[in-house]
Amino acid sequence: MNEPKLIVIFEGPSVEAEMLKGLLDANNITAYLNDANLGRIAPWYVSPGGISPVKLLVPETEVEKAKAILDGVSPE
């Protein structure tokens, strides 16, 4: 069986990515973090303007639903 393609819907600091993942998880959307461990070890490396921010990924089939949920989240 083919796994769905994963799409990046957010790139940024590990703390923010983890909070957004929790929000998606609470709404029954499967979400994955890429480079999250690096964000804990070297946060300056993955921070905005850093070399490689943490990426939040969701299956291609859930992108629209995930974006609709995240659009309601204030960046403040």
N, C-alpha and C. Protein backbone atom coordinates (compact mmCIF):
# COMPACT_ATOMS: atom_id res chain seq x y z
N MET A 1 0.84 -1.17 0.00
CA MET A 1 0.00 0.00 0.00
C MET A 1 0.89 1.24 0.00
N ASN A 2 0.57 2.20 -0.82
CA ASN A 2 1.35 3.43 -0.91
C ASN A 2 1.00 4.37 0.22
N GLU A 3 2.03 4.91 0.85
CA GLU A 3 1.83 5.91 1.90
C GLU A 3 1.55 7.25 1.23
N PRO A 4 0.67 8.07 1.83
CA PRO A 4 0.42 9.38 1.23
C PRO A 4 1.66 10.26 1.31
N LYS A 5 1.79 11.13 0.36
CA LYS A 5 2.90 12.08 0.32
C LYS A 5 2.73 13.08 1.46
N LEU A 6 3.84 13.43 2.13
CA LEU A 6 3.79 14.41 3.21
C LEU A 6 4.13 15.80 2.66
N ILE A 7 3.37 16.79 3.11
CA ILE A 7 3.52 18.17 2.65
C ILE A 7 3.89 19.06 3.84
N VAL A 8 4.87 19.92 3.65
CA VAL A 8 5.27 20.88 4.68
C VAL A 8 4.24 22.00 4.72
N ILE A 9 3.64 22.23 5.91
CA ILE A 9 2.67 23.32 6.03
C ILE A 9 3.15 24.42 6.97
N PHE A 10 4.29 24.20 7.63
CA PHE A 10 4.85 25.21 8.53
C PHE A 10 6.34 24.95 8.67
N GLU A 11 7.12 26.03 8.74
CA GLU A 11 8.55 25.96 9.05
C GLU A 11 8.85 27.05 10.05
N GLY A 12 9.52 26.69 11.14
CA GLY A 12 9.84 27.69 12.14
C GLY A 12 10.45 27.09 13.39
N PRO A 13 10.40 27.84 14.50
CA PRO A 13 11.00 27.38 15.76
C PRO A 13 10.33 26.11 16.26
N SER A 14 11.09 25.27 16.96
CA SER A 14 10.58 23.98 17.42
C SER A 14 9.41 24.12 18.37
N VAL A 15 9.44 25.11 19.25
CA VAL A 15 8.34 25.28 20.22
C VAL A 15 7.04 25.57 19.48
N GLU A 16 7.08 26.46 18.51
CA GLU A 16 5.88 26.80 17.75
C GLU A 16 5.40 25.61 16.93
N ALA A 17 6.32 24.91 16.30
CA ALA A 17 5.96 23.73 15.50
C ALA A 17 5.30 22.66 16.38
N GLU A 18 5.82 22.45 17.58
CA GLU A 18 5.24 21.45 18.48
C GLU A 18 3.85 21.86 18.94
N MET A 19 3.64 23.15 19.19
CA MET A 19 2.30 23.61 19.59
C MET A 19 1.30 23.42 18.44
N LEU A 20 1.71 23.74 17.23
CA LEU A 20 0.82 23.58 16.09
C LEU A 20 0.53 22.10 15.83
N LYS A 21 1.53 21.25 16.02
CA LYS A 21 1.32 19.80 15.87
C LYS A 21 0.28 19.33 16.88
N GLY A 22 0.38 19.81 18.12
CA GLY A 22 -0.59 19.45 19.14
C GLY A 22 -2.00 19.87 18.77
N LEU A 23 -2.13 21.05 18.17
CA LEU A 23 -3.43 21.53 17.72
C LEU A 23 -4.00 20.62 16.63
N LEU A 24 -3.15 20.24 15.69
CA LEU A 24 -3.60 19.35 14.62
C LEU A 24 -3.96 17.97 15.18
N ASP A 25 -3.13 17.46 16.09
CA ASP A 25 -3.42 16.17 16.71
C ASP A 25 -4.77 16.20 17.41
N ALA A 26 -5.07 17.30 18.11
CA ALA A 26 -6.34 17.44 18.82
C ALA A 26 -7.53 17.47 17.87
N ASN A 27 -7.27 17.80 16.61
CA ASN A 27 -8.32 17.83 15.59
C ASN A 27 -8.27 16.60 14.69
N ASN A 28 -7.63 15.55 15.19
CA ASN A 28 -7.55 14.27 14.48
C ASN A 28 -6.87 14.35 13.12
N ILE A 29 -5.87 15.21 13.02
CA ILE A 29 -5.07 15.30 11.81
C ILE A 29 -3.68 14.77 12.14
N THR A 30 -3.24 13.79 11.38
CA THR A 30 -1.92 13.21 11.58
C THR A 30 -0.87 14.24 11.16
N ALA A 31 0.06 14.53 12.05
CA ALA A 31 1.10 15.52 11.76
C ALA A 31 2.45 14.98 12.23
N TYR A 32 3.48 15.39 11.54
CA TYR A 32 4.84 14.95 11.85
C TYR A 32 5.76 16.15 11.92
N LEU A 33 6.78 16.05 12.76
CA LEU A 33 7.80 17.09 12.85
C LEU A 33 9.10 16.57 12.25
N ASN A 34 9.74 17.40 11.47
CA ASN A 34 11.03 17.06 10.90
C ASN A 34 12.06 18.03 11.49
N ASP A 35 13.16 17.51 11.97
CA ASP A 35 14.23 18.29 12.59
C ASP A 35 13.89 18.80 13.99
N ALA A 36 12.88 18.20 14.65
CA ALA A 36 12.48 18.65 15.99
C ALA A 36 13.58 18.41 17.02
N ASN A 37 14.27 17.29 16.95
CA ASN A 37 15.34 17.01 17.91
C ASN A 37 16.47 18.02 17.77
N LEU A 38 16.76 18.41 16.56
CA LEU A 38 17.80 19.41 16.35
C LEU A 38 17.40 20.74 17.00
N GLY A 39 16.10 21.04 16.99
CA GLY A 39 15.62 22.26 17.62
C GLY A 39 15.83 22.26 19.12
N ARG A 40 15.84 21.09 19.73
CA ARG A 40 16.09 21.01 21.17
C ARG A 40 17.58 21.10 21.48
N ILE A 41 18.40 20.58 20.59
CA ILE A 41 19.84 20.56 20.81
C ILE A 41 20.47 21.90 20.45
N ALA A 42 20.07 22.45 19.32
CA ALA A 42 20.65 23.70 18.82
C ALA A 42 19.55 24.62 18.31
N PRO A 43 18.77 25.25 19.23
CA PRO A 43 17.62 26.04 18.80
C PRO A 43 17.96 27.19 17.85
N TRP A 44 19.16 27.75 17.97
CA TRP A 44 19.55 28.84 17.06
C TRP A 44 19.67 28.35 15.62
N TYR A 45 19.91 27.06 15.45
CA TYR A 45 20.08 26.47 14.12
C TYR A 45 18.76 26.40 13.37
N VAL A 46 17.66 26.19 14.11
CA VAL A 46 16.35 26.01 13.47
C VAL A 46 15.43 27.20 13.66
N SER A 47 15.89 28.25 14.30
CA SER A 47 15.05 29.42 14.51
C SER A 47 14.87 30.19 13.21
N PRO A 48 13.86 31.08 13.16
CA PRO A 48 13.70 31.88 11.94
C PRO A 48 15.02 32.57 11.58
N GLY A 49 15.40 32.45 10.36
CA GLY A 49 16.67 32.99 9.92
C GLY A 49 17.82 32.03 10.12
N GLY A 50 17.52 30.90 10.79
CA GLY A 50 18.54 29.87 10.99
C GLY A 50 18.73 29.06 9.72
N ILE A 51 19.55 28.09 9.82
CA ILE A 51 19.90 27.29 8.65
C ILE A 51 18.79 26.33 8.25
N SER A 52 18.15 25.70 9.22
CA SER A 52 17.16 24.67 8.90
C SER A 52 16.04 24.66 9.94
N PRO A 53 14.93 25.38 9.70
CA PRO A 53 13.85 25.42 10.67
C PRO A 53 13.15 24.06 10.80
N VAL A 54 12.46 23.87 11.93
CA VAL A 54 11.66 22.65 12.13
C VAL A 54 10.49 22.71 11.15
N LYS A 55 10.18 21.59 10.55
CA LYS A 55 9.10 21.52 9.57
C LYS A 55 7.94 20.70 10.12
N LEU A 56 6.73 21.19 9.93
CA LEU A 56 5.51 20.49 10.30
C LEU A 56 4.91 19.93 9.01
N LEU A 57 4.72 18.62 8.97
CA LEU A 57 4.24 17.96 7.77
C LEU A 57 2.92 17.24 8.04
N VAL A 58 2.06 17.22 7.04
CA VAL A 58 0.81 16.46 7.12
C VAL A 58 0.64 15.69 5.81
N PRO A 59 -0.14 14.60 5.84
CA PRO A 59 -0.40 13.88 4.59
C PRO A 59 -1.10 14.79 3.58
N GLU A 60 -0.80 14.58 2.34
CA GLU A 60 -1.36 15.40 1.25
C GLU A 60 -2.89 15.45 1.32
N THR A 61 -3.50 14.37 1.76
CA THR A 61 -4.96 14.29 1.82
C THR A 61 -5.56 15.16 2.93
N GLU A 62 -4.72 15.65 3.85
CA GLU A 62 -5.21 16.44 4.98
C GLU A 62 -4.71 17.88 4.97
N VAL A 63 -4.06 18.29 3.90
CA VAL A 63 -3.46 19.63 3.82
C VAL A 63 -4.52 20.73 3.96
N GLU A 64 -5.59 20.66 3.22
CA GLU A 64 -6.61 21.71 3.25
C GLU A 64 -7.23 21.84 4.63
N LYS A 65 -7.57 20.73 5.24
CA LYS A 65 -8.17 20.75 6.58
C LYS A 65 -7.18 21.33 7.60
N ALA A 66 -5.91 20.92 7.51
CA ALA A 66 -4.89 21.42 8.42
C ALA A 66 -4.67 22.92 8.25
N LYS A 67 -4.60 23.39 7.02
CA LYS A 67 -4.40 24.82 6.78
C LYS A 67 -5.58 25.63 7.29
N ALA A 68 -6.80 25.10 7.15
CA ALA A 68 -7.98 25.80 7.66
C ALA A 68 -7.91 25.96 9.18
N ILE A 69 -7.43 24.94 9.86
CA ILE A 69 -7.29 25.00 11.32
C ILE A 69 -6.19 25.99 11.70
N LEU A 70 -5.05 25.91 11.03
CA LEU A 70 -3.92 26.77 11.38
C LEU A 70 -4.17 28.23 10.99
N ASP A 71 -5.01 28.47 10.00
CA ASP A 71 -5.32 29.86 9.61
C ASP A 71 -6.02 30.60 10.74
N GLY A 72 -6.71 29.86 11.63
CA GLY A 72 -7.40 30.49 12.74
C GLY A 72 -6.52 30.75 13.94
N VAL A 73 -5.24 30.37 13.86
CA VAL A 73 -4.32 30.53 14.98
C VAL A 73 -3.59 31.87 14.85
N SER A 74 -3.65 32.67 15.88
CA SER A 74 -2.96 33.97 15.88
C SER A 74 -1.48 33.76 16.16
N PRO A 75 -0.59 34.44 15.45
CA PRO A 75 0.85 34.28 15.69
C PRO A 75 1.33 34.90 17.00
N GLU A 76 0.46 35.59 17.72
CA GLU A 76 0.88 36.28 18.95
C GLU A 76 0.72 35.43 20.15
